[in-house]
Amino acid sequence: EQWLNDRERSLEIRLRLPRLIRMIGTQRAAEVLLFSNIQDDAFLRYRIALALSGMRSNPNIRFNRQWTLEAVERRLESYRYYRPIYQRLRTFLAPDVIVLRALWERLEQNLEIIFRLLGLIYPHRTMMNVFYKLQSRHQPDWADALELLENILEHEMRQSLFPLLETHRHLCQLPEN
C-alpha cells in the first residue's frame, strides 16, 4: 500500500503493484486498490481499475459503495476536464495528430474506468456489455446501452453519467436518436 501511494517510488514499479495486489485477492487488498492515492498517474489509475475489475468475482470481497461512486465521479470529472481541450483542438488540427489521438484515448480510458468501477457495485458483465456497446459506434447499440443503464442506475448516477454519454456520442459523430 505504501509503495503504491508513494510518488517518490519509480512509476515502473508502481505500475506492477495493482496486478500483484489483485493476486493477493483479500478484502484488504481490494481496499488498498480502491482507496489508493486518487491524484496520481492516469495509467496507474487505469491499472488499478483493471485490477479491481479482476477482483470483483471474489464473493468474499465487498466494495465500499460510497467510495466506488466517488471514484466514478472523479473519472467523470477527469473526462469533463479533457473533453473541452479535445473539442477545441479538434477544430484546428487534423484527426491523426498525435495530441488529438492521446486526448481521445484519455477520454476513452476514463469512460472504460467508469464502467469498470460501476461493475464493482452493479452487475459487472452488464456494465461491461454497456461499455462495449458504446464502443461499437452503432446507433442501435447506443440506444440499447442507454436504455439498459436507465433501468439499472440510480437517479443521481444517471444524472451525472447520461450528459457525458450524450457528449461522447456527439464526439463520436453518431446521429441523434
N, C-alpha and C. Protein backbone atom coordinates (compact mmCIF):
# COMPACT_ATOMS: atom_id res chain seq x y z
N GLU A 1 0.83 -1.19 0.00
CA GLU A 1 0.00 0.00 0.00
C GLU A 1 0.87 1.25 0.00
N GLN A 2 1.89 1.24 0.84
CA GLN A 2 2.78 2.40 0.90
C GLN A 2 3.49 2.62 -0.44
N TRP A 3 3.96 1.55 -1.03
CA TRP A 3 4.66 1.68 -2.31
C TRP A 3 3.72 2.17 -3.40
N LEU A 4 2.50 1.66 -3.40
CA LEU A 4 1.53 2.05 -4.43
C LEU A 4 1.26 3.56 -4.37
N ASN A 5 1.20 4.10 -3.16
CA ASN A 5 0.84 5.51 -2.99
C ASN A 5 2.05 6.44 -2.88
N ASP A 6 3.23 5.90 -2.92
CA ASP A 6 4.44 6.69 -2.76
C ASP A 6 4.92 7.22 -4.11
N ARG A 7 4.69 8.48 -4.37
CA ARG A 7 5.06 9.08 -5.65
C ARG A 7 6.56 9.23 -5.82
N GLU A 8 7.30 9.04 -4.76
CA GLU A 8 8.75 9.08 -4.86
C GLU A 8 9.30 7.77 -5.45
N ARG A 9 8.51 6.73 -5.39
CA ARG A 9 8.92 5.44 -5.97
C ARG A 9 8.82 5.51 -7.49
N SER A 10 9.56 4.67 -8.13
CA SER A 10 9.55 4.60 -9.58
C SER A 10 8.15 4.23 -10.08
N LEU A 11 7.68 4.94 -11.09
CA LEU A 11 6.38 4.63 -11.68
C LEU A 11 6.39 3.22 -12.26
N GLU A 12 7.50 2.81 -12.81
CA GLU A 12 7.62 1.47 -13.37
C GLU A 12 7.29 0.40 -12.32
N ILE A 13 7.77 0.57 -11.12
CA ILE A 13 7.47 -0.38 -10.03
C ILE A 13 6.01 -0.26 -9.63
N ARG A 14 5.54 0.97 -9.47
CA ARG A 14 4.16 1.19 -9.02
C ARG A 14 3.14 0.64 -10.02
N LEU A 15 3.48 0.65 -11.31
CA LEU A 15 2.56 0.12 -12.31
C LEU A 15 2.39 -1.39 -12.20
N ARG A 16 3.35 -2.07 -11.61
CA ARG A 16 3.27 -3.52 -11.44
C ARG A 16 2.48 -3.93 -10.20
N LEU A 17 2.33 -3.03 -9.26
CA LEU A 17 1.71 -3.36 -7.98
C LEU A 17 0.22 -3.71 -8.06
N PRO A 18 -0.60 -3.02 -8.87
CA PRO A 18 -2.02 -3.40 -8.89
C PRO A 18 -2.25 -4.87 -9.22
N ARG A 19 -1.52 -5.40 -10.17
CA ARG A 19 -1.69 -6.82 -10.52
C ARG A 19 -1.28 -7.71 -9.35
N LEU A 20 -0.20 -7.39 -8.71
CA LEU A 20 0.26 -8.16 -7.56
C LEU A 20 -0.76 -8.11 -6.43
N ILE A 21 -1.27 -6.93 -6.16
CA ILE A 21 -2.28 -6.77 -5.11
C ILE A 21 -3.55 -7.52 -5.47
N ARG A 22 -3.93 -7.49 -6.74
CA ARG A 22 -5.11 -8.24 -7.18
C ARG A 22 -4.93 -9.73 -6.92
N MET A 23 -3.73 -10.24 -7.16
CA MET A 23 -3.47 -11.67 -6.96
C MET A 23 -3.54 -12.05 -5.49
N ILE A 24 -3.30 -11.12 -4.58
CA ILE A 24 -3.46 -11.40 -3.15
C ILE A 24 -4.92 -11.73 -2.87
N GLY A 25 -5.81 -10.97 -3.46
CA GLY A 25 -7.23 -11.31 -3.51
C GLY A 25 -8.01 -11.26 -2.22
N THR A 26 -7.60 -10.47 -1.26
CA THR A 26 -8.33 -10.35 0.00
C THR A 26 -9.15 -9.07 0.03
N GLN A 27 -10.02 -8.96 1.03
CA GLN A 27 -10.77 -7.73 1.23
C GLN A 27 -9.81 -6.55 1.41
N ARG A 28 -8.80 -6.75 2.21
CA ARG A 28 -7.82 -5.68 2.44
C ARG A 28 -7.12 -5.27 1.14
N ALA A 29 -6.78 -6.25 0.31
CA ALA A 29 -6.14 -5.94 -0.97
C ALA A 29 -7.07 -5.08 -1.83
N ALA A 30 -8.35 -5.42 -1.86
CA ALA A 30 -9.32 -4.62 -2.62
C ALA A 30 -9.41 -3.20 -2.07
N GLU A 31 -9.38 -3.07 -0.76
CA GLU A 31 -9.43 -1.75 -0.14
C GLU A 31 -8.19 -0.93 -0.47
N VAL A 32 -7.03 -1.59 -0.48
CA VAL A 32 -5.79 -0.89 -0.83
C VAL A 32 -5.92 -0.29 -2.22
N LEU A 33 -6.46 -1.05 -3.15
CA LEU A 33 -6.62 -0.55 -4.51
C LEU A 33 -7.69 0.54 -4.58
N LEU A 34 -8.84 0.28 -3.99
CA LEU A 34 -9.95 1.22 -4.09
C LEU A 34 -9.64 2.53 -3.39
N PHE A 35 -8.92 2.47 -2.28
CA PHE A 35 -8.63 3.67 -1.50
C PHE A 35 -7.25 4.23 -1.81
N SER A 36 -6.67 3.82 -2.93
CA SER A 36 -5.32 4.29 -3.27
C SER A 36 -5.34 5.78 -3.60
N ASN A 37 -4.16 6.33 -3.73
CA ASN A 37 -3.98 7.75 -4.00
C ASN A 37 -4.82 8.17 -5.21
N ILE A 38 -5.74 9.08 -4.99
CA ILE A 38 -6.68 9.45 -6.06
C ILE A 38 -6.09 10.46 -7.05
N GLN A 39 -5.04 11.16 -6.65
CA GLN A 39 -4.40 12.14 -7.53
C GLN A 39 -3.09 11.55 -8.03
N ASP A 40 -3.17 10.69 -9.01
CA ASP A 40 -1.96 10.01 -9.44
C ASP A 40 -1.93 9.86 -10.95
N ASP A 41 -0.92 9.18 -11.42
CA ASP A 41 -0.71 8.95 -12.84
C ASP A 41 -1.94 8.28 -13.47
N ALA A 42 -2.35 8.77 -14.62
CA ALA A 42 -3.55 8.26 -15.29
C ALA A 42 -3.42 6.78 -15.64
N PHE A 43 -2.26 6.36 -16.11
CA PHE A 43 -2.11 4.95 -16.48
C PHE A 43 -2.12 4.07 -15.24
N LEU A 44 -1.57 4.56 -14.12
CA LEU A 44 -1.63 3.80 -12.87
C LEU A 44 -3.09 3.65 -12.42
N ARG A 45 -3.86 4.71 -12.53
CA ARG A 45 -5.29 4.61 -12.18
C ARG A 45 -5.99 3.58 -13.06
N TYR A 46 -5.62 3.54 -14.33
CA TYR A 46 -6.20 2.54 -15.23
C TYR A 46 -5.82 1.13 -14.79
N ARG A 47 -4.56 0.92 -14.45
CA ARG A 47 -4.11 -0.39 -13.99
C ARG A 47 -4.83 -0.79 -12.70
N ILE A 48 -5.07 0.17 -11.83
CA ILE A 48 -5.80 -0.09 -10.58
C ILE A 48 -7.23 -0.50 -10.91
N ALA A 49 -7.86 0.19 -11.85
CA ALA A 49 -9.24 -0.15 -12.25
C ALA A 49 -9.30 -1.56 -12.83
N LEU A 50 -8.32 -1.93 -13.65
CA LEU A 50 -8.27 -3.29 -14.19
C LEU A 50 -8.13 -4.31 -13.07
N ALA A 51 -7.27 -4.02 -12.12
CA ALA A 51 -7.06 -4.95 -11.00
C ALA A 51 -8.34 -5.09 -10.17
N LEU A 52 -8.99 -3.98 -9.87
CA LEU A 52 -10.25 -4.04 -9.13
C LEU A 52 -11.29 -4.83 -9.89
N SER A 53 -11.37 -4.59 -11.18
CA SER A 53 -12.32 -5.30 -12.02
C SER A 53 -12.05 -6.81 -11.98
N GLY A 54 -10.79 -7.18 -11.92
CA GLY A 54 -10.43 -8.59 -11.84
C GLY A 54 -10.76 -9.21 -10.50
N MET A 55 -10.93 -8.40 -9.47
CA MET A 55 -11.22 -8.92 -8.13
C MET A 55 -12.72 -9.06 -7.87
N ARG A 56 -13.53 -8.47 -8.71
CA ARG A 56 -14.96 -8.39 -8.40
C ARG A 56 -15.66 -9.74 -8.35
N SER A 57 -15.10 -10.77 -8.92
CA SER A 57 -15.78 -12.07 -8.91
C SER A 57 -15.54 -12.84 -7.61
N ASN A 58 -14.67 -12.34 -6.76
CA ASN A 58 -14.42 -12.98 -5.47
C ASN A 58 -15.59 -12.69 -4.53
N PRO A 59 -16.36 -13.71 -4.12
CA PRO A 59 -17.54 -13.47 -3.30
C PRO A 59 -17.21 -12.97 -1.89
N ASN A 60 -15.97 -13.07 -1.48
CA ASN A 60 -15.57 -12.63 -0.15
C ASN A 60 -15.21 -11.14 -0.10
N ILE A 61 -15.21 -10.50 -1.25
CA ILE A 61 -14.84 -9.09 -1.30
C ILE A 61 -16.09 -8.25 -1.51
N ARG A 62 -16.23 -7.26 -0.65
CA ARG A 62 -17.32 -6.29 -0.76
C ARG A 62 -16.70 -4.93 -1.01
N PHE A 63 -17.13 -4.28 -2.06
CA PHE A 63 -16.59 -2.97 -2.40
C PHE A 63 -17.42 -1.88 -1.75
N ASN A 64 -16.76 -0.93 -1.16
CA ASN A 64 -17.41 0.18 -0.50
C ASN A 64 -18.17 1.00 -1.55
N ARG A 65 -19.48 0.99 -1.46
CA ARG A 65 -20.32 1.63 -2.46
C ARG A 65 -20.06 3.13 -2.55
N GLN A 66 -20.00 3.79 -1.41
CA GLN A 66 -19.79 5.24 -1.39
C GLN A 66 -18.44 5.60 -2.02
N TRP A 67 -17.39 4.90 -1.65
CA TRP A 67 -16.07 5.21 -2.19
C TRP A 67 -16.03 4.90 -3.69
N THR A 68 -16.69 3.83 -4.09
CA THR A 68 -16.73 3.47 -5.51
C THR A 68 -17.44 4.54 -6.32
N LEU A 69 -18.56 5.02 -5.81
CA LEU A 69 -19.29 6.09 -6.51
C LEU A 69 -18.48 7.38 -6.55
N GLU A 70 -17.73 7.65 -5.49
CA GLU A 70 -16.85 8.82 -5.50
C GLU A 70 -15.75 8.65 -6.55
N ALA A 71 -15.23 7.44 -6.67
CA ALA A 71 -14.21 7.17 -7.69
C ALA A 71 -14.79 7.35 -9.09
N VAL A 72 -16.03 6.91 -9.29
CA VAL A 72 -16.70 7.12 -10.58
C VAL A 72 -16.83 8.61 -10.85
N GLU A 73 -17.24 9.36 -9.83
CA GLU A 73 -17.40 10.80 -10.01
C GLU A 73 -16.07 11.47 -10.37
N ARG A 74 -14.97 11.00 -9.80
CA ARG A 74 -13.66 11.56 -10.15
C ARG A 74 -13.32 11.28 -11.62
N ARG A 75 -13.68 10.10 -12.12
CA ARG A 75 -13.42 9.79 -13.53
C ARG A 75 -14.32 10.62 -14.42
N LEU A 76 -15.56 10.88 -13.98
CA LEU A 76 -16.44 11.76 -14.74
C LEU A 76 -15.84 13.16 -14.82
N GLU A 77 -15.30 13.63 -13.71
CA GLU A 77 -14.65 14.95 -13.69
C GLU A 77 -13.43 14.98 -14.59
N SER A 78 -12.67 13.91 -14.59
CA SER A 78 -11.50 13.84 -15.46
C SER A 78 -11.92 13.90 -16.92
N TYR A 79 -12.97 13.16 -17.25
CA TYR A 79 -13.50 13.19 -18.62
C TYR A 79 -13.91 14.62 -18.97
N ARG A 80 -14.62 15.27 -18.05
CA ARG A 80 -15.08 16.64 -18.30
C ARG A 80 -13.92 17.61 -18.44
N TYR A 81 -12.81 17.32 -17.82
CA TYR A 81 -11.62 18.16 -17.93
C TYR A 81 -11.02 18.05 -19.33
N TYR A 82 -10.86 16.82 -19.82
CA TYR A 82 -10.20 16.60 -21.10
C TYR A 82 -11.09 16.90 -22.31
N ARG A 83 -12.39 16.76 -22.17
CA ARG A 83 -13.30 16.94 -23.30
C ARG A 83 -13.19 18.30 -23.98
N PRO A 84 -13.26 19.43 -23.25
CA PRO A 84 -13.19 20.71 -23.96
C PRO A 84 -11.83 20.95 -24.62
N ILE A 85 -10.79 20.42 -24.02
CA ILE A 85 -9.47 20.55 -24.65
C ILE A 85 -9.48 19.81 -25.98
N TYR A 86 -10.00 18.58 -25.95
CA TYR A 86 -10.09 17.79 -27.18
C TYR A 86 -10.96 18.51 -28.22
N GLN A 87 -12.10 19.01 -27.79
CA GLN A 87 -13.02 19.66 -28.72
C GLN A 87 -12.38 20.90 -29.36
N ARG A 88 -11.69 21.71 -28.56
CA ARG A 88 -11.06 22.91 -29.11
C ARG A 88 -9.97 22.56 -30.11
N LEU A 89 -9.11 21.63 -29.72
CA LEU A 89 -8.00 21.26 -30.61
C LEU A 89 -8.50 20.58 -31.88
N ARG A 90 -9.58 19.84 -31.76
CA ARG A 90 -10.13 19.13 -32.92
C ARG A 90 -10.57 20.08 -34.03
N THR A 91 -10.95 21.28 -33.65
CA THR A 91 -11.38 22.24 -34.67
C THR A 91 -10.21 22.80 -35.47
N PHE A 92 -9.00 22.69 -34.93
CA PHE A 92 -7.84 23.28 -35.59
C PHE A 92 -6.84 22.27 -36.14
N LEU A 93 -6.92 21.04 -35.69
CA LEU A 93 -5.91 20.05 -36.05
C LEU A 93 -6.50 18.91 -36.86
N ALA A 94 -5.65 18.29 -37.66
CA ALA A 94 -6.07 17.11 -38.42
C ALA A 94 -6.34 15.95 -37.45
N PRO A 95 -7.27 15.07 -37.80
CA PRO A 95 -7.66 13.99 -36.89
C PRO A 95 -6.54 13.04 -36.48
N ASP A 96 -5.51 12.93 -37.30
CA ASP A 96 -4.46 11.97 -36.99
C ASP A 96 -3.29 12.57 -36.21
N VAL A 97 -3.41 13.82 -35.78
CA VAL A 97 -2.35 14.45 -34.99
C VAL A 97 -2.27 13.74 -33.64
N ILE A 98 -1.05 13.50 -33.21
CA ILE A 98 -0.84 12.66 -32.02
C ILE A 98 -1.49 13.23 -30.76
N VAL A 99 -1.50 14.53 -30.61
CA VAL A 99 -2.11 15.10 -29.41
C VAL A 99 -3.60 14.82 -29.38
N LEU A 100 -4.27 14.85 -30.53
CA LEU A 100 -5.69 14.52 -30.57
C LEU A 100 -5.93 13.04 -30.24
N ARG A 101 -5.08 12.20 -30.80
CA ARG A 101 -5.22 10.76 -30.50
C ARG A 101 -5.00 10.49 -29.02
N ALA A 102 -4.02 11.17 -28.42
CA ALA A 102 -3.73 10.98 -26.99
C ALA A 102 -4.90 11.47 -26.13
N LEU A 103 -5.46 12.62 -26.48
CA LEU A 103 -6.62 13.12 -25.73
C LEU A 103 -7.83 12.21 -25.89
N TRP A 104 -8.04 11.72 -27.11
CA TRP A 104 -9.17 10.81 -27.34
C TRP A 104 -8.99 9.53 -26.51
N GLU A 105 -7.78 9.01 -26.50
CA GLU A 105 -7.53 7.81 -25.71
C GLU A 105 -7.76 8.07 -24.22
N ARG A 106 -7.41 9.26 -23.75
CA ARG A 106 -7.66 9.59 -22.34
C ARG A 106 -9.16 9.64 -22.06
N LEU A 107 -9.94 10.21 -22.99
CA LEU A 107 -11.39 10.23 -22.83
C LEU A 107 -11.95 8.81 -22.78
N GLU A 108 -11.51 7.98 -23.72
CA GLU A 108 -11.98 6.60 -23.78
C GLU A 108 -11.55 5.82 -22.53
N GLN A 109 -10.33 6.07 -22.06
CA GLN A 109 -9.83 5.39 -20.87
C GLN A 109 -10.68 5.75 -19.65
N ASN A 110 -11.01 7.03 -19.51
CA ASN A 110 -11.87 7.44 -18.39
C ASN A 110 -13.24 6.78 -18.48
N LEU A 111 -13.77 6.70 -19.68
CA LEU A 111 -15.06 6.06 -19.87
C LEU A 111 -14.99 4.58 -19.47
N GLU A 112 -13.95 3.89 -19.90
CA GLU A 112 -13.80 2.48 -19.52
C GLU A 112 -13.67 2.32 -18.01
N ILE A 113 -12.88 3.17 -17.38
CA ILE A 113 -12.72 3.07 -15.93
C ILE A 113 -14.06 3.29 -15.23
N ILE A 114 -14.85 4.23 -15.72
CA ILE A 114 -16.18 4.47 -15.14
C ILE A 114 -16.99 3.19 -15.12
N PHE A 115 -17.02 2.49 -16.25
CA PHE A 115 -17.82 1.27 -16.32
C PHE A 115 -17.21 0.12 -15.53
N ARG A 116 -15.89 0.04 -15.47
CA ARG A 116 -15.26 -0.98 -14.64
C ARG A 116 -15.56 -0.74 -13.17
N LEU A 117 -15.54 0.52 -12.75
CA LEU A 117 -15.88 0.83 -11.36
C LEU A 117 -17.35 0.56 -11.08
N LEU A 118 -18.21 0.96 -12.00
CA LEU A 118 -19.64 0.66 -11.81
C LEU A 118 -19.86 -0.84 -11.70
N GLY A 119 -19.05 -1.62 -12.40
CA GLY A 119 -19.15 -3.07 -12.35
C GLY A 119 -18.76 -3.67 -11.02
N LEU A 120 -18.23 -2.86 -10.12
CA LEU A 120 -17.94 -3.35 -8.76
C LEU A 120 -19.18 -3.35 -7.89
N ILE A 121 -20.13 -2.48 -8.21
CA ILE A 121 -21.33 -2.37 -7.37
C ILE A 121 -22.62 -2.69 -8.11
N TYR A 122 -22.54 -2.80 -9.42
CA TYR A 122 -23.65 -3.24 -10.26
C TYR A 122 -23.18 -4.51 -10.97
N PRO A 123 -24.07 -5.22 -11.63
CA PRO A 123 -23.62 -6.43 -12.34
C PRO A 123 -22.50 -6.11 -13.33
N HIS A 124 -21.35 -6.70 -13.08
CA HIS A 124 -20.14 -6.39 -13.85
C HIS A 124 -20.33 -6.69 -15.33
N ARG A 125 -20.82 -7.84 -15.65
CA ARG A 125 -20.99 -8.22 -17.05
C ARG A 125 -21.90 -7.23 -17.78
N THR A 126 -22.95 -6.81 -17.11
CA THR A 126 -23.88 -5.85 -17.71
C THR A 126 -23.17 -4.52 -17.97
N MET A 127 -22.42 -4.04 -16.98
CA MET A 127 -21.72 -2.77 -17.15
C MET A 127 -20.70 -2.84 -18.29
N MET A 128 -20.00 -3.94 -18.39
CA MET A 128 -19.01 -4.06 -19.46
C MET A 128 -19.69 -4.24 -20.82
N ASN A 129 -20.83 -4.93 -20.85
CA ASN A 129 -21.58 -5.03 -22.10
C ASN A 129 -22.05 -3.65 -22.56
N VAL A 130 -22.49 -2.84 -21.62
CA VAL A 130 -22.90 -1.47 -21.95
C VAL A 130 -21.70 -0.72 -22.51
N PHE A 131 -20.57 -0.81 -21.85
CA PHE A 131 -19.37 -0.12 -22.33
C PHE A 131 -19.02 -0.56 -23.75
N TYR A 132 -19.04 -1.87 -24.00
CA TYR A 132 -18.67 -2.35 -25.33
C TYR A 132 -19.69 -1.93 -26.39
N LYS A 133 -20.96 -1.85 -26.01
CA LYS A 133 -21.97 -1.36 -26.95
C LYS A 133 -21.69 0.11 -27.28
N LEU A 134 -21.26 0.87 -26.30
CA LEU A 134 -20.92 2.27 -26.55
C LEU A 134 -19.68 2.40 -27.42
N GLN A 135 -18.81 1.43 -27.37
CA GLN A 135 -17.61 1.43 -28.20
C GLN A 135 -17.91 1.09 -29.65
N SER A 136 -19.04 0.45 -29.89
CA SER A 136 -19.36 -0.01 -31.25
C SER A 136 -19.63 1.13 -32.22
N ARG A 137 -20.02 2.28 -31.70
CA ARG A 137 -20.33 3.45 -32.53
C ARG A 137 -21.54 3.21 -33.45
N HIS A 138 -22.32 2.22 -33.13
CA HIS A 138 -23.50 1.86 -33.91
C HIS A 138 -24.72 2.37 -33.14
N GLN A 139 -25.51 3.22 -33.75
CA GLN A 139 -26.61 3.89 -33.07
C GLN A 139 -27.57 2.95 -32.33
N PRO A 140 -28.02 1.85 -32.92
CA PRO A 140 -28.92 0.96 -32.16
C PRO A 140 -28.25 0.38 -30.90
N ASP A 141 -26.94 0.13 -30.96
CA ASP A 141 -26.24 -0.34 -29.78
C ASP A 141 -26.23 0.73 -28.69
N TRP A 142 -26.03 1.98 -29.09
CA TRP A 142 -26.05 3.07 -28.11
C TRP A 142 -27.42 3.16 -27.46
N ALA A 143 -28.45 3.09 -28.24
CA ALA A 143 -29.81 3.19 -27.68
C ALA A 143 -30.07 2.05 -26.70
N ASP A 144 -29.67 0.85 -27.06
CA ASP A 144 -29.83 -0.30 -26.16
C ASP A 144 -29.05 -0.10 -24.87
N ALA A 145 -27.82 0.39 -24.99
CA ALA A 145 -26.97 0.60 -23.83
C ALA A 145 -27.57 1.64 -22.88
N LEU A 146 -28.05 2.74 -23.46
CA LEU A 146 -28.64 3.78 -22.62
C LEU A 146 -29.92 3.31 -21.94
N GLU A 147 -30.72 2.54 -22.65
CA GLU A 147 -31.94 2.01 -22.05
C GLU A 147 -31.62 1.08 -20.89
N LEU A 148 -30.63 0.23 -21.09
CA LEU A 148 -30.22 -0.69 -20.02
C LEU A 148 -29.72 0.09 -18.81
N LEU A 149 -28.89 1.09 -19.04
CA LEU A 149 -28.38 1.90 -17.93
C LEU A 149 -29.51 2.61 -17.20
N GLU A 150 -30.47 3.09 -17.96
CA GLU A 150 -31.59 3.80 -17.34
C GLU A 150 -32.36 2.91 -16.37
N ASN A 151 -32.41 1.62 -16.67
CA ASN A 151 -33.13 0.69 -15.81
C ASN A 151 -32.30 0.15 -14.65
N ILE A 152 -30.99 0.37 -14.67
CA ILE A 152 -30.12 -0.19 -13.63
C ILE A 152 -29.63 0.87 -12.65
N LEU A 153 -29.17 2.00 -13.18
CA LEU A 153 -28.53 3.00 -12.33
C LEU A 153 -29.54 3.82 -11.54
N GLU A 154 -29.11 4.25 -10.35
CA GLU A 154 -29.93 5.16 -9.57
C GLU A 154 -29.98 6.52 -10.26
N HIS A 155 -30.96 7.29 -9.88
CA HIS A 155 -31.22 8.60 -10.50
C HIS A 155 -29.98 9.50 -10.49
N GLU A 156 -29.29 9.60 -9.34
CA GLU A 156 -28.14 10.50 -9.23
C GLU A 156 -27.04 10.11 -10.21
N MET A 157 -26.78 8.82 -10.33
CA MET A 157 -25.73 8.38 -11.25
C MET A 157 -26.14 8.63 -12.69
N ARG A 158 -27.42 8.39 -13.01
CA ARG A 158 -27.88 8.70 -14.37
C ARG A 158 -27.72 10.18 -14.67
N GLN A 159 -28.03 11.03 -13.68
CA GLN A 159 -27.91 12.48 -13.86
C GLN A 159 -26.47 12.89 -14.17
N SER A 160 -25.52 12.19 -13.59
CA SER A 160 -24.11 12.51 -13.84
C SER A 160 -23.59 11.91 -15.13
N LEU A 161 -23.99 10.67 -15.40
CA LEU A 161 -23.40 9.92 -16.50
C LEU A 161 -24.04 10.21 -17.86
N PHE A 162 -25.34 10.35 -17.92
CA PHE A 162 -26.01 10.47 -19.21
C PHE A 162 -25.59 11.70 -20.03
N PRO A 163 -25.45 12.88 -19.41
CA PRO A 163 -24.98 14.02 -20.22
C PRO A 163 -23.59 13.78 -20.80
N LEU A 164 -22.74 13.14 -20.03
CA LEU A 164 -21.41 12.81 -20.53
C LEU A 164 -21.50 11.86 -21.72
N LEU A 165 -22.37 10.86 -21.62
CA LEU A 165 -22.52 9.91 -22.72
C LEU A 165 -23.09 10.58 -23.96
N GLU A 166 -24.00 11.51 -23.78
CA GLU A 166 -24.54 12.24 -24.93
C GLU A 166 -23.44 13.06 -25.61
N THR A 167 -22.61 13.69 -24.81
CA THR A 167 -21.48 14.43 -25.36
C THR A 167 -20.53 13.49 -26.08
N HIS A 168 -20.29 12.36 -25.49
CA HIS A 168 -19.38 11.38 -26.11
C HIS A 168 -19.94 10.92 -27.45
N ARG A 169 -21.24 10.71 -27.50
CA ARG A 169 -21.86 10.32 -28.77
C ARG A 169 -21.62 11.40 -29.82
N HIS A 170 -21.76 12.64 -29.42
CA HIS A 170 -21.50 13.75 -30.35
C HIS A 170 -20.04 13.73 -30.80
N LEU A 171 -19.12 13.50 -29.88
CA LEU A 171 -17.70 13.44 -30.24
C LEU A 171 -17.42 12.30 -31.19
N CYS A 172 -18.17 11.20 -31.04
CA CYS A 172 -18.01 10.05 -31.94
C CYS A 172 -18.71 10.29 -33.28
N GLN A 173 -19.44 11.41 -33.35
CA GLN A 173 -20.18 11.80 -34.54
C GLN A 173 -21.27 10.79 -34.89
N LEU A 174 -21.98 10.35 -33.86
CA LEU A 174 -23.13 9.48 -34.08
C LEU A 174 -24.38 10.33 -34.22
N PRO A 175 -25.35 9.88 -34.99
CA PRO A 175 -26.59 10.66 -35.14
C PRO A 175 -27.40 10.65 -33.85
N GLU A 176 -28.23 11.66 -33.70
CA GLU A 176 -29.14 11.73 -32.55
C GLU A 176 -30.21 10.65 -32.70
N ASN A 177 -30.90 10.38 -31.58
CA ASN A 177 -31.97 9.37 -31.61
C ASN A 177 -33.07 9.75 -32.58
